[in-house]
Amino acid sequence: YLQMNSLKPEDTAVYYCAAAWVPPSGIRWSN
């Protein structure tokens, strides 16, 4: 889930859900 409060016009977008398999070393979450 993504609870979005205090929404701004700048938040307007198509929002995508994504899933990542994470190796033991981790991942770069923002990539």
PDB file of all heavy atoms in Angstrom:
ATOM      1  N   TYR A   1       0.826  -1.191   0.000  1.00  0.00           N
ATOM      2  CA  TYR A   1       0.000   0.000   0.000  1.00  0.00           C
ATOM      3  C   TYR A   1       0.866   1.249   0.000  1.00  0.00           C
ATOM      4  O   TYR A   1       2.002   1.247   0.473  1.00  0.00           O
ATOM      5  CB  TYR A   1      -0.899   0.032   1.238  1.00  0.00           C
ATOM      6  CG  TYR A   1      -1.711  -1.218   1.418  1.00  0.00           C
ATOM      7  CD1 TYR A   1      -1.255  -2.255   2.226  1.00  0.00           C
ATOM      8  CD2 TYR A   1      -2.936  -1.375   0.775  1.00  0.00           C
ATOM      9  CE1 TYR A   1      -1.992  -3.415   2.391  1.00  0.00           C
ATOM     10  CE2 TYR A   1      -3.681  -2.528   0.933  1.00  0.00           C
ATOM     11  CZ  TYR A   1      -3.201  -3.544   1.737  1.00  0.00           C
ATOM     12  OH  TYR A   1      -3.943  -4.691   1.894  1.00  0.00           O
ATOM     13  N   LEU A   2       0.308   2.317  -0.509  1.00  0.00           N
ATOM     14  CA  LEU A   2       0.919   3.633  -0.419  1.00  0.00           C
ATOM     15  C   LEU A   2      -0.151   4.607   0.036  1.00  0.00           C
ATOM     16  O   LEU A   2      -1.065   4.933  -0.726  1.00  0.00           O
ATOM     17  CB  LEU A   2       1.510   4.073  -1.753  1.00  0.00           C
ATOM     18  CG  LEU A   2       2.286   5.382  -1.722  1.00  0.00           C
ATOM     19  CD1 LEU A   2       3.585   5.217  -0.923  1.00  0.00           C
ATOM     20  CD2 LEU A   2       2.601   5.862  -3.138  1.00  0.00           C
ATOM     21  N   GLN A   3      -0.058   5.033   1.287  1.00  0.00           N
ATOM     22  CA  GLN A   3      -0.959   6.045   1.818  1.00  0.00           C
ATOM     23  C   GLN A   3      -0.377   7.406   1.491  1.00  0.00           C
ATOM     24  O   GLN A   3       0.738   7.721   1.904  1.00  0.00           O
ATOM     25  CB  GLN A   3      -1.125   5.880   3.329  1.00  0.00           C
ATOM     26  CG  GLN A   3      -2.013   6.925   3.977  1.00  0.00           C
ATOM     27  CD  GLN A   3      -3.450   6.826   3.533  1.00  0.00           C
ATOM     28  OE1 GLN A   3      -4.008   5.732   3.492  1.00  0.00           O
ATOM     29  NE2 GLN A   3      -4.056   7.955   3.196  1.00  0.00           N
ATOM     30  N   MET A   4      -1.122   8.205   0.761  1.00  0.00           N
ATOM     31  CA  MET A   4      -0.656   9.506   0.302  1.00  0.00           C
ATOM     32  C   MET A   4      -1.511  10.589   0.942  1.00  0.00           C
ATOM     33  O   MET A   4      -2.713  10.682   0.673  1.00  0.00           O
ATOM     34  CB  MET A   4      -0.722   9.601  -1.219  1.00  0.00           C
ATOM     35  CG  MET A   4       0.054   8.501  -1.934  1.00  0.00           C
ATOM     36  SD  MET A   4       0.072   8.713  -3.735  1.00  0.00           S
ATOM     37  CE  MET A   4      -1.678   8.481  -4.084  1.00  0.00           C
ATOM     38  N   ASN A   5      -0.900  11.392   1.781  1.00  0.00           N
ATOM     39  CA  ASN A   5      -1.572  12.493   2.453  1.00  0.00           C
ATOM     40  C   ASN A   5      -0.985  13.823   1.995  1.00  0.00           C
ATOM     41  O   ASN A   5       0.105  13.876   1.439  1.00  0.00           O
ATOM     42  CB  ASN A   5      -1.433  12.363   3.969  1.00  0.00           C
ATOM     43  CG  ASN A   5      -2.060  11.113   4.524  1.00  0.00           C
ATOM     44  OD1 ASN A   5      -3.068  10.626   4.013  1.00  0.00           O
ATOM     45  ND2 ASN A   5      -1.476  10.578   5.594  1.00  0.00           N
ATOM     46  N   SER A   6      -1.714  14.885   2.264  1.00  0.00           N
ATOM     47  CA  SER A   6      -1.266  16.236   1.915  1.00  0.00           C
ATOM     48  C   SER A   6      -0.808  16.313   0.466  1.00  0.00           C
ATOM     49  O   SER A   6       0.257  16.856   0.150  1.00  0.00           O
ATOM     50  CB  SER A   6      -0.142  16.682   2.860  1.00  0.00           C
ATOM     51  OG  SER A   6      -0.574  16.662   4.204  1.00  0.00           O
ATOM     52  N   LEU A   7      -1.617  15.780  -0.419  1.00  0.00           N
ATOM     53  CA  LEU A   7      -1.238  15.696  -1.827  1.00  0.00           C
ATOM     54  C   LEU A   7      -1.098  17.075  -2.458  1.00  0.00           C
ATOM     55  O   LEU A   7      -1.844  18.009  -2.132  1.00  0.00           O
ATOM     56  CB  LEU A   7      -2.256  14.864  -2.591  1.00  0.00           C
ATOM     57  CG  LEU A   7      -2.115  13.355  -2.387  1.00  0.00           C
ATOM     58  CD1 LEU A   7      -3.387  12.634  -2.795  1.00  0.00           C
ATOM     59  CD2 LEU A   7      -0.922  12.828  -3.182  1.00  0.00           C
ATOM     60  N   LYS A   8      -0.135  17.167  -3.356  1.00  0.00           N
ATOM     61  CA  LYS A   8       0.166  18.394  -4.077  1.00  0.00           C
ATOM     62  C   LYS A   8      -0.016  18.169  -5.570  1.00  0.00           C
ATOM     63  O   LYS A   8       0.093  17.036  -6.041  1.00  0.00           O
ATOM     64  CB  LYS A   8       1.611  18.826  -3.810  1.00  0.00           C
ATOM     65  CG  LYS A   8       1.975  18.986  -2.353  1.00  0.00           C
ATOM     66  CD  LYS A   8       3.463  19.273  -2.209  1.00  0.00           C
ATOM     67  CE  LYS A   8       3.861  19.414  -0.761  1.00  0.00           C
ATOM     68  NZ  LYS A   8       5.316  19.670  -0.619  1.00  0.00           N
ATOM     69  N   PRO A   9      -0.270  19.227  -6.339  1.00  0.00           N
ATOM     70  CA  PRO A   9      -0.354  19.049  -7.792  1.00  0.00           C
ATOM     71  C   PRO A   9       0.893  18.396  -8.386  1.00  0.00           C
ATOM     72  O   PRO A   9       0.782  17.664  -9.375  1.00  0.00           O
ATOM     73  CB  PRO A   9      -0.530  20.485  -8.305  1.00  0.00           C
ATOM     74  CG  PRO A   9      -1.222  21.185  -7.183  1.00  0.00           C
ATOM     75  CD  PRO A   9      -0.635  20.589  -5.931  1.00  0.00           C
ATOM     76  N   GLU A  10       2.048  18.628  -7.787  1.00  0.00           N
ATOM     77  CA  GLU A  10       3.289  18.029  -8.256  1.00  0.00           C
ATOM     78  C   GLU A  10       3.314  16.511  -8.104  1.00  0.00           C
ATOM     79  O   GLU A  10       4.179  15.845  -8.680  1.00  0.00           O
ATOM     80  CB  GLU A  10       4.494  18.614  -7.504  1.00  0.00           C
ATOM     81  CG  GLU A  10       4.567  20.126  -7.542  1.00  0.00           C
ATOM     82  CD  GLU A  10       3.900  20.761  -6.335  1.00  0.00           C
ATOM     83  OE1 GLU A  10       2.672  20.973  -6.379  1.00  0.00           O
ATOM     84  OE2 GLU A  10       4.623  21.056  -5.351  1.00  0.00           O
ATOM     85  N   ASP A  11       2.393  15.956  -7.326  1.00  0.00           N
ATOM     86  CA  ASP A  11       2.298  14.508  -7.163  1.00  0.00           C
ATOM     87  C   ASP A  11       1.542  13.841  -8.307  1.00  0.00           C
ATOM     88  O   ASP A  11       1.480  12.606  -8.360  1.00  0.00           O
ATOM     89  CB  ASP A  11       1.601  14.156  -5.848  1.00  0.00           C
ATOM     90  CG  ASP A  11       2.377  14.620  -4.628  1.00  0.00           C
ATOM     91  OD1 ASP A  11       3.620  14.450  -4.612  1.00  0.00           O
ATOM     92  OD2 ASP A  11       1.751  15.143  -3.695  1.00  0.00           O
ATOM     93  N   THR A  12       0.962  14.620  -9.189  1.00  0.00           N
ATOM     94  CA  THR A  12       0.219  14.068 -10.319  1.00  0.00           C
ATOM     95  C   THR A  12       1.135  13.226 -11.195  1.00  0.00           C
ATOM     96  O   THR A  12       2.169  13.697 -11.665  1.00  0.00           O
ATOM     97  CB  THR A  12      -0.418  15.184 -11.143  1.00  0.00           C
ATOM     98  OG1 THR A  12      -1.392  15.866 -10.348  1.00  0.00           O
ATOM     99  CG2 THR A  12      -1.096  14.626 -12.385  1.00  0.00           C
ATOM    100  N   ALA A  13       0.759  11.970 -11.404  1.00  0.00           N
ATOM    101  CA  ALA A  13       1.583  11.044 -12.174  1.00  0.00           C
ATOM    102  C   ALA A  13       0.855   9.709 -12.270  1.00  0.00           C
ATOM    103  O   ALA A  13      -0.144   9.481 -11.592  1.00  0.00           O
ATOM    104  CB  ALA A  13       2.947  10.831 -11.510  1.00  0.00           C
ATOM    105  N   VAL A  14       1.385   8.839 -13.107  1.00  0.00           N
ATOM    106  CA  VAL A  14       1.000   7.437 -13.070  1.00  0.00           C
ATOM    107  C   VAL A  14       1.888   6.756 -12.043  1.00  0.00           C
ATOM    108  O   VAL A  14       3.119   6.869 -12.104  1.00  0.00           O
ATOM    109  CB  VAL A  14       1.144   6.760 -14.440  1.00  0.00           C
ATOM    110  CG1 VAL A  14       0.819   5.276 -14.339  1.00  0.00           C
ATOM    111  CG2 VAL A  14       0.233   7.429 -15.463  1.00  0.00           C
ATOM    112  N   TYR A  15       1.280   6.065 -11.108  1.00  0.00           N
ATOM    113  CA  TYR A  15       2.012   5.396 -10.041  1.00  0.00           C
ATOM    114  C   TYR A  15       2.104   3.909 -10.332  1.00  0.00           C
ATOM    115  O   TYR A  15       1.104   3.262 -10.647  1.00  0.00           O
ATOM    116  CB  TYR A  15       1.326   5.635  -8.694  1.00  0.00           C
ATOM    117  CG  TYR A  15       1.604   7.011  -8.136  1.00  0.00           C
ATOM    118  CD1 TYR A  15       1.043   8.138  -8.722  1.00  0.00           C
ATOM    119  CD2 TYR A  15       2.441   7.186  -7.036  1.00  0.00           C
ATOM    120  CE1 TYR A  15       1.315   9.402  -8.240  1.00  0.00           C
ATOM    121  CE2 TYR A  15       2.711   8.445  -6.542  1.00  0.00           C
ATOM    122  CZ  TYR A  15       2.145   9.557  -7.149  1.00  0.00           C
ATOM    123  OH  TYR A  15       2.417  10.814  -6.649  1.00  0.00           O
ATOM    124  N   TYR A  16       3.314   3.374 -10.213  1.00  0.00           N
ATOM    125  CA  TYR A  16       3.587   1.983 -10.529  1.00  0.00           C
ATOM    126  C   TYR A  16       4.047   1.215  -9.299  1.00  0.00           C
ATOM    127  O   TYR A  16       4.929   1.671  -8.567  1.00  0.00           O
ATOM    128  CB  TYR A  16       4.680   1.873 -11.593  1.00  0.00           C
ATOM    129  CG  TYR A  16       4.301   2.452 -12.927  1.00  0.00           C
ATOM    130  CD1 TYR A  16       4.581   3.779 -13.235  1.00  0.00           C
ATOM    131  CD2 TYR A  16       3.664   1.671 -13.885  1.00  0.00           C
ATOM    132  CE1 TYR A  16       4.237   4.317 -14.461  1.00  0.00           C
ATOM    133  CE2 TYR A  16       3.322   2.203 -15.113  1.00  0.00           C
ATOM    134  CZ  TYR A  16       3.613   3.524 -15.396  1.00  0.00           C
ATOM    135  OH  TYR A  16       3.276   4.048 -16.614  1.00  0.00           O
ATOM    136  N   CYS A  17       3.473   0.059  -9.110  1.00  0.00           N
ATOM    137  CA  CYS A  17       3.935  -0.895  -8.116  1.00  0.00           C
ATOM    138  C   CYS A  17       5.053  -1.732  -8.727  1.00  0.00           C
ATOM    139  O   CYS A  17       4.991  -2.095  -9.901  1.00  0.00           O
ATOM    140  CB  CYS A  17       2.770  -1.788  -7.695  1.00  0.00           C
ATOM    141  SG  CYS A  17       3.178  -3.143  -6.585  1.00  0.00           S
ATOM    142  N   ALA A  18       6.072  -2.045  -7.940  1.00  0.00           N
ATOM    143  CA  ALA A  18       7.192  -2.830  -8.427  1.00  0.00           C
ATOM    144  C   ALA A  18       7.693  -3.780  -7.352  1.00  0.00           C
ATOM    145  O   ALA A  18       7.576  -3.497  -6.163  1.00  0.00           O
ATOM    146  CB  ALA A  18       8.333  -1.911  -8.880  1.00  0.00           C
ATOM    147  N   ALA A  19       8.275  -4.897  -7.792  1.00  0.00           N
ATOM    148  CA  ALA A  19       8.828  -5.900  -6.894  1.00  0.00           C
ATOM    149  C   ALA A  19      10.269  -6.181  -7.264  1.00  0.00           C
ATOM    150  O   ALA A  19      10.598  -6.302  -8.446  1.00  0.00           O
ATOM    151  CB  ALA A  19       8.013  -7.189  -6.953  1.00  0.00           C
ATOM    152  N   ALA A  20      11.125  -6.293  -6.258  1.00  0.00           N
ATOM    153  CA  ALA A  20      12.550  -6.515  -6.471  1.00  0.00           C
ATOM    154  C   ALA A  20      13.041  -7.696  -5.648  1.00  0.00           C
ATOM    155  O   ALA A  20      12.825  -7.738  -4.432  1.00  0.00           O
ATOM    156  CB  ALA A  20      13.352  -5.269  -6.109  1.00  0.00           C
ATOM    157  N   TRP A  21      13.710  -8.632  -6.313  1.00  0.00           N
ATOM    158  CA  TRP A  21      14.430  -9.668  -5.583  1.00  0.00           C
ATOM    159  C   TRP A  21      15.721  -9.048  -5.067  1.00  0.00           C
ATOM    160  O   TRP A  21      16.456  -8.411  -5.824  1.00  0.00           O
ATOM    161  CB  TRP A  21      14.732 -10.857  -6.482  1.00  0.00           C
ATOM    162  CG  TRP A  21      15.469 -11.938  -5.756  1.00  0.00           C
ATOM    163  CD1 TRP A  21      14.934 -12.876  -4.932  1.00  0.00           C
ATOM    164  CD2 TRP A  21      16.881 -12.167  -5.766  1.00  0.00           C
ATOM    165  NE1 TRP A  21      15.921 -13.690  -4.433  1.00  0.00           N
ATOM    166  CE2 TRP A  21      17.129 -13.280  -4.926  1.00  0.00           C
ATOM    167  CE3 TRP A  21      17.957 -11.554  -6.409  1.00  0.00           C
ATOM    168  CZ2 TRP A  21      18.409 -13.776  -4.704  1.00  0.00           C
ATOM    169  CZ3 TRP A  21      19.233 -12.057  -6.190  1.00  0.00           C
ATOM    170  CH2 TRP A  21      19.441 -13.151  -5.354  1.00  0.00           C
ATOM    171  N   VAL A  22      15.994  -9.230  -3.791  1.00  0.00           N
ATOM    172  CA  VAL A  22      17.126  -8.578  -3.152  1.00  0.00           C
ATOM    173  C   VAL A  22      18.198  -9.608  -2.819  1.00  0.00           C
ATOM    174  O   VAL A  22      17.965 -10.494  -1.989  1.00  0.00           O
ATOM    175  CB  VAL A  22      16.700  -7.836  -1.876  1.00  0.00           C
ATOM    176  CG1 VAL A  22      17.899  -7.129  -1.250  1.00  0.00           C
ATOM    177  CG2 VAL A  22      15.597  -6.835  -2.187  1.00  0.00           C
ATOM    178  N   PRO A  23      19.377  -9.510  -3.424  1.00  0.00           N
ATOM    179  CA  PRO A  23      20.480 -10.408  -3.072  1.00  0.00           C
ATOM    180  C   PRO A  23      21.029 -10.057  -1.701  1.00  0.00           C
ATOM    181  O   PRO A  23      20.685  -9.015  -1.128  1.00  0.00           O
ATOM    182  CB  PRO A  23      21.509 -10.154  -4.180  1.00  0.00           C
ATOM    183  CG  PRO A  23      21.257  -8.740  -4.581  1.00  0.00           C
ATOM    184  CD  PRO A  23      19.768  -8.549  -4.461  1.00  0.00           C
ATOM    185  N   PRO A  24      21.906 -10.914  -1.151  1.00  0.00           N
ATOM    186  CA  PRO A  24      22.442 -10.640   0.194  1.00  0.00           C
ATOM    187  C   PRO A  24      23.121  -9.280   0.313  1.00  0.00           C
ATOM    188  O   PRO A  24      23.122  -8.694   1.404  1.00  0.00           O
ATOM    189  CB  PRO A  24      23.438 -11.785   0.401  1.00  0.00           C
ATOM    190  CG  PRO A  24      22.894 -12.903  -0.424  1.00  0.00           C
ATOM    191  CD  PRO A  24      22.324 -12.243  -1.646  1.00  0.00           C
ATOM    192  N   SER A  25      23.694  -8.768  -0.771  1.00  0.00           N
ATOM    193  CA  SER A  25      24.374  -7.482  -0.735  1.00  0.00           C
ATOM    194  C   SER A  25      23.424  -6.294  -0.765  1.00  0.00           C
ATOM    195  O   SER A  25      23.859  -5.158  -0.594  1.00  0.00           O
ATOM    196  CB  SER A  25      25.355  -7.374  -1.901  1.00  0.00           C
ATOM    197  OG  SER A  25      24.689  -7.550  -3.136  1.00  0.00           O
ATOM    198  N   GLY A  26      22.151  -6.532  -1.002  1.00  0.00           N
ATOM    199  CA  GLY A  26      21.173  -5.464  -1.069  1.00  0.00           C
ATOM    200  C   GLY A  26      21.057  -4.879  -2.463  1.00  0.00           C
ATOM    201  O   GLY A  26      21.709  -5.322  -3.407  1.00  0.00           O
ATOM    202  N   ILE A  27      20.198  -3.868  -2.593  1.00  0.00           N
ATOM    203  CA  ILE A  27      19.998  -3.183  -3.861  1.00  0.00           C
ATOM    204  C   ILE A  27      19.943  -1.682  -3.623  1.00  0.00           C
ATOM    205  O   ILE A  27      19.818  -1.216  -2.486  1.00  0.00           O
ATOM    206  CB  ILE A  27      18.707  -3.631  -4.577  1.00  0.00           C
ATOM    207  CG1 ILE A  27      17.465  -3.262  -3.752  1.00  0.00           C
ATOM    208  CG2 ILE A  27      18.748  -5.114  -4.881  1.00  0.00           C
ATOM    209  CD1 ILE A  27      16.157  -3.444  -4.496  1.00  0.00           C
ATOM    210  N   ARG A  28      20.012  -0.932  -4.731  1.00  0.00           N
ATOM    211  CA  ARG A  28      19.793   0.503  -4.684  1.00  0.00           C
ATOM    212  C   ARG A  28      18.298   0.743  -4.878  1.00  0.00           C
ATOM    213  O   ARG A  28      17.781   0.626  -5.985  1.00  0.00           O
ATOM    214  CB  ARG A  28      20.606   1.208  -5.760  1.00  0.00           C
ATOM    215  CG  ARG A  28      22.115   1.076  -5.570  1.00  0.00           C
ATOM    216  CD  ARG A  28      22.883   1.846  -6.626  1.00  0.00           C
ATOM    217  NE  ARG A  28      24.318   1.723  -6.441  1.00  0.00           N
ATOM    218  CZ  ARG A  28      25.049   2.491  -5.660  1.00  0.00           C
ATOM    219  NH1 ARG A  28      24.469   3.474  -4.978  1.00  0.00           N
ATOM    220  NH2 ARG A  28      26.344   2.300  -5.548  1.00  0.00           N
ATOM    221  N   TRP A  29      17.624   1.092  -3.806  1.00  0.00           N
ATOM    222  CA  TRP A  29      16.166   1.143  -3.795  1.00  0.00           C
ATOM    223  C   TRP A  29      15.585   2.103  -4.805  1.00  0.00           C
ATOM    224  O   TRP A  29      14.489   1.876  -5.321  1.00  0.00           O
ATOM    225  CB  TRP A  29      15.665   1.507  -2.393  1.00  0.00           C
ATOM    226  CG  TRP A  29      16.148   0.586  -1.338  1.00  0.00           C
ATOM    227  CD1 TRP A  29      17.125   0.819  -0.413  1.00  0.00           C
ATOM    228  CD2 TRP A  29      15.681  -0.749  -1.096  1.00  0.00           C
ATOM    229  NE1 TRP A  29      17.294  -0.291   0.400  1.00  0.00           N
ATOM    230  CE2 TRP A  29      16.423  -1.256   0.005  1.00  0.00           C
ATOM    231  CE3 TRP A  29      14.707  -1.556  -1.690  1.00  0.00           C
ATOM    232  CZ2 TRP A  29      16.212  -2.545   0.517  1.00  0.00           C
ATOM    233  CZ3 TRP A  29      14.504  -2.834  -1.191  1.00  0.00           C
ATOM    234  CH2 TRP A  29      15.255  -3.307  -0.098  1.00  0.00           C
ATOM    235  N   SER A  30      16.281   3.185  -5.081  1.00  0.00           N
ATOM    236  CA  SER A  30      15.755   4.213  -5.965  1.00  0.00           C
ATOM    237  C   SER A  30      16.007   3.939  -7.438  1.00  0.00           C
ATOM    238  O   SER A  30      15.546   4.693  -8.293  1.00  0.00           O
ATOM    239  CB  SER A  30      16.354   5.580  -5.598  1.00  0.00           C
ATOM    240  OG  SER A  30      17.761   5.589  -5.761  1.00  0.00           O
ATOM    241  N   ASN A  31      16.715   2.869  -7.751  1.00  0.00           N
ATOM    242  CA  ASN A  31      17.053   2.534  -9.130  1.00  0.00           C
ATOM    243  C   ASN A  31      15.987   1.605  -9.701  1.00  0.00           C
ATOM    244  O   ASN A  31      15.854   0.463  -9.263  1.00  0.00           O
ATOM    245  CB  ASN A  31      18.425   1.884  -9.182  1.00  0.00           C
ATOM    246  CG  ASN A  31      18.899   1.619 -10.595  1.00  0.00           C
ATOM    247  OD1 ASN A  31      18.180   1.836 -11.567  1.00  0.00           O
ATOM    248  ND2 ASN A  31      20.131   1.133 -10.720  1.00  0.00           N
TER     249      ASN A  31
END
